[in-house]
Amino acid sequence: MQPSPEALLARLVDLELKYMTLERFAQELSAVVAEQQRTIDALTQETKRLRERALDEGSEVGPADPPPHY
């Protein structure tokens, strides 16, 4: 038994609405990921700049000595 044309149309509309929602979510997620990448890039540049500055001042950047209680 085949579904009626009205039932098929209702399913098609439902699928289109779900697709539009998923597409919007994908675009929002893409924007969030892009902003996070910009933040990561800025932090990477800042870290590099601070490391170079510390090396220029004669101090070496490395792991800190453990606290005396260890």
C-alpha atoms as a PDB file:
ATOM      1  CA  MET A   1       0.000   0.000   0.000  1.00  0.00           C
ATOM      2  CA  GLN A   2       1.483   3.319  -1.077  1.00  0.00           C
ATOM      3  CA  PRO A   3       1.229   6.464   1.034  1.00  0.00           C
ATOM      4  CA  SER A   4      -1.113   9.149  -0.218  1.00  0.00           C
ATOM      5  CA  PRO A   5       0.271  12.180  -2.040  1.00  0.00           C
ATOM      6  CA  GLU A   6      -0.665  14.333   0.957  1.00  0.00           C
ATOM      7  CA  ALA A   7       1.339  12.084   3.283  1.00  0.00           C
ATOM      8  CA  LEU A   8       4.324  12.207   0.932  1.00  0.00           C
ATOM      9  CA  LEU A   9       4.069  15.982   0.728  1.00  0.00           C
ATOM     10  CA  ALA A  10       3.915  16.242   4.524  1.00  0.00           C
ATOM     11  CA  ARG A  11       7.010  14.047   4.851  1.00  0.00           C
ATOM     12  CA  LEU A  12       8.833  16.111   2.238  1.00  0.00           C
ATOM     13  CA  VAL A  13       8.000  19.360   4.037  1.00  0.00           C
ATOM     14  CA  ASP A  14       9.125  17.849   7.351  1.00  0.00           C
ATOM     15  CA  LEU A  15      12.426  16.715   5.810  1.00  0.00           C
ATOM     16  CA  GLU A  16      13.007  20.146   4.256  1.00  0.00           C
ATOM     17  CA  LEU A  17      12.401  21.840   7.619  1.00  0.00           C
ATOM     18  CA  LYS A  18      14.815  19.466   9.335  1.00  0.00           C
ATOM     19  CA  TYR A  19      17.406  20.063   6.616  1.00  0.00           C
ATOM     20  CA  MET A  20      17.075  23.842   6.956  1.00  0.00           C
ATOM     21  CA  THR A  21      17.524  23.566  10.727  1.00  0.00           C
ATOM     22  CA  LEU A  22      20.624  21.390  10.344  1.00  0.00           C
ATOM     23  CA  GLU A  23      22.040  23.748   7.729  1.00  0.00           C
ATOM     24  CA  ARG A  24      21.555  26.726  10.081  1.00  0.00           C
ATOM     25  CA  PHE A  25      23.212  24.827  12.945  1.00  0.00           C
ATOM     26  CA  ALA A  26      26.125  23.908  10.670  1.00  0.00           C
ATOM     27  CA  GLN A  27      26.604  27.563   9.723  1.00  0.00           C
ATOM     28  CA  GLU A  28      26.484  28.634  13.377  1.00  0.00           C
ATOM     29  CA  LEU A  29      28.983  25.933  14.309  1.00  0.00           C
ATOM     30  CA  SER A  30      31.252  26.997  11.477  1.00  0.00           C
ATOM     31  CA  ALA A  31      31.193  30.589  12.762  1.00  0.00           C
ATOM     32  CA  VAL A  32      32.060  29.417  16.293  1.00  0.00           C
ATOM     33  CA  VAL A  33      34.927  27.272  15.043  1.00  0.00           C
ATOM     34  CA  ALA A  34      36.255  30.140  12.913  1.00  0.00           C
ATOM     35  CA  GLU A  35      36.189  32.485  15.928  1.00  0.00           C
ATOM     36  CA  GLN A  36      37.971  29.886  18.053  1.00  0.00           C
ATOM     37  CA  GLN A  37      40.644  29.528  15.365  1.00  0.00           C
ATOM     38  CA  ARG A  38      41.169  33.295  15.330  1.00  0.00           C
ATOM     39  CA  THR A  39      41.557  33.208  19.107  1.00  0.00           C
ATOM     40  CA  ILE A  40      44.023  30.301  18.918  1.00  0.00           C
ATOM     41  CA  ASP A  41      46.038  32.117  16.252  1.00  0.00           C
ATOM     42  CA  ALA A  42      46.158  35.305  18.356  1.00  0.00           C
ATOM     43  CA  LEU A  43      47.220  33.371  21.460  1.00  0.00           C
ATOM     44  CA  THR A  44      49.876  31.511  19.486  1.00  0.00           C
ATOM     45  CA  GLN A  45      51.292  34.781  18.194  1.00  0.00           C
ATOM     46  CA  GLU A  46      51.236  36.292  21.691  1.00  0.00           C
ATOM     47  CA  THR A  47      53.013  33.248  23.117  1.00  0.00           C
ATOM     48  CA  LYS A  48      55.660  33.437  20.393  1.00  0.00           C
ATOM     49  CA  ARG A  49      56.115  37.163  21.003  1.00  0.00           C
ATOM     50  CA  LEU A  50      56.463  36.666  24.773  1.00  0.00           C
ATOM     51  CA  ARG A  51      58.933  33.808  24.298  1.00  0.00           C
ATOM     52  CA  GLU A  52      61.067  35.905  21.968  1.00  0.00           C
ATOM     53  CA  ARG A  53      60.908  38.822  24.394  1.00  0.00           C
ATOM     54  CA  ALA A  54      61.993  36.616  27.282  1.00  0.00           C
ATOM     55  CA  LEU A  55      64.884  35.208  25.249  1.00  0.00           C
ATOM     56  CA  ASP A  56      65.943  38.728  24.222  1.00  0.00           C
ATOM     57  CA  GLU A  57      66.034  39.739  27.880  1.00  0.00           C
ATOM     58  CA  GLY A  58      68.368  36.851  28.645  1.00  0.00           C
ATOM     59  CA  SER A  59      66.005  34.636  30.577  1.00  0.00           C
ATOM     60  CA  GLU A  60      65.227  31.212  29.266  1.00  0.00           C
ATOM     61  CA  VAL A  61      61.666  30.067  29.045  1.00  0.00           C
ATOM     62  CA  GLY A  62      61.300  26.558  30.343  1.00  0.00           C
ATOM     63  CA  PRO A  63      59.563  24.454  32.934  1.00  0.00           C
ATOM     64  CA  ALA A  64      59.469  26.056  36.350  1.00  0.00           C
ATOM     65  CA  ASP A  65      61.322  24.466  39.233  1.00  0.00           C
ATOM     66  CA  PRO A  66      59.072  22.309  41.392  1.00  0.00           C
ATOM     67  CA  PRO A  67      57.930  23.857  44.656  1.00  0.00           C
ATOM     68  CA  PRO A  68      60.097  23.054  47.712  1.00  0.00           C
ATOM     69  CA  HIS A  69      57.527  20.676  49.203  1.00  0.00           C
ATOM     70  CA  TYR A  70      58.038  18.110  46.406  1.00  0.00           C
END
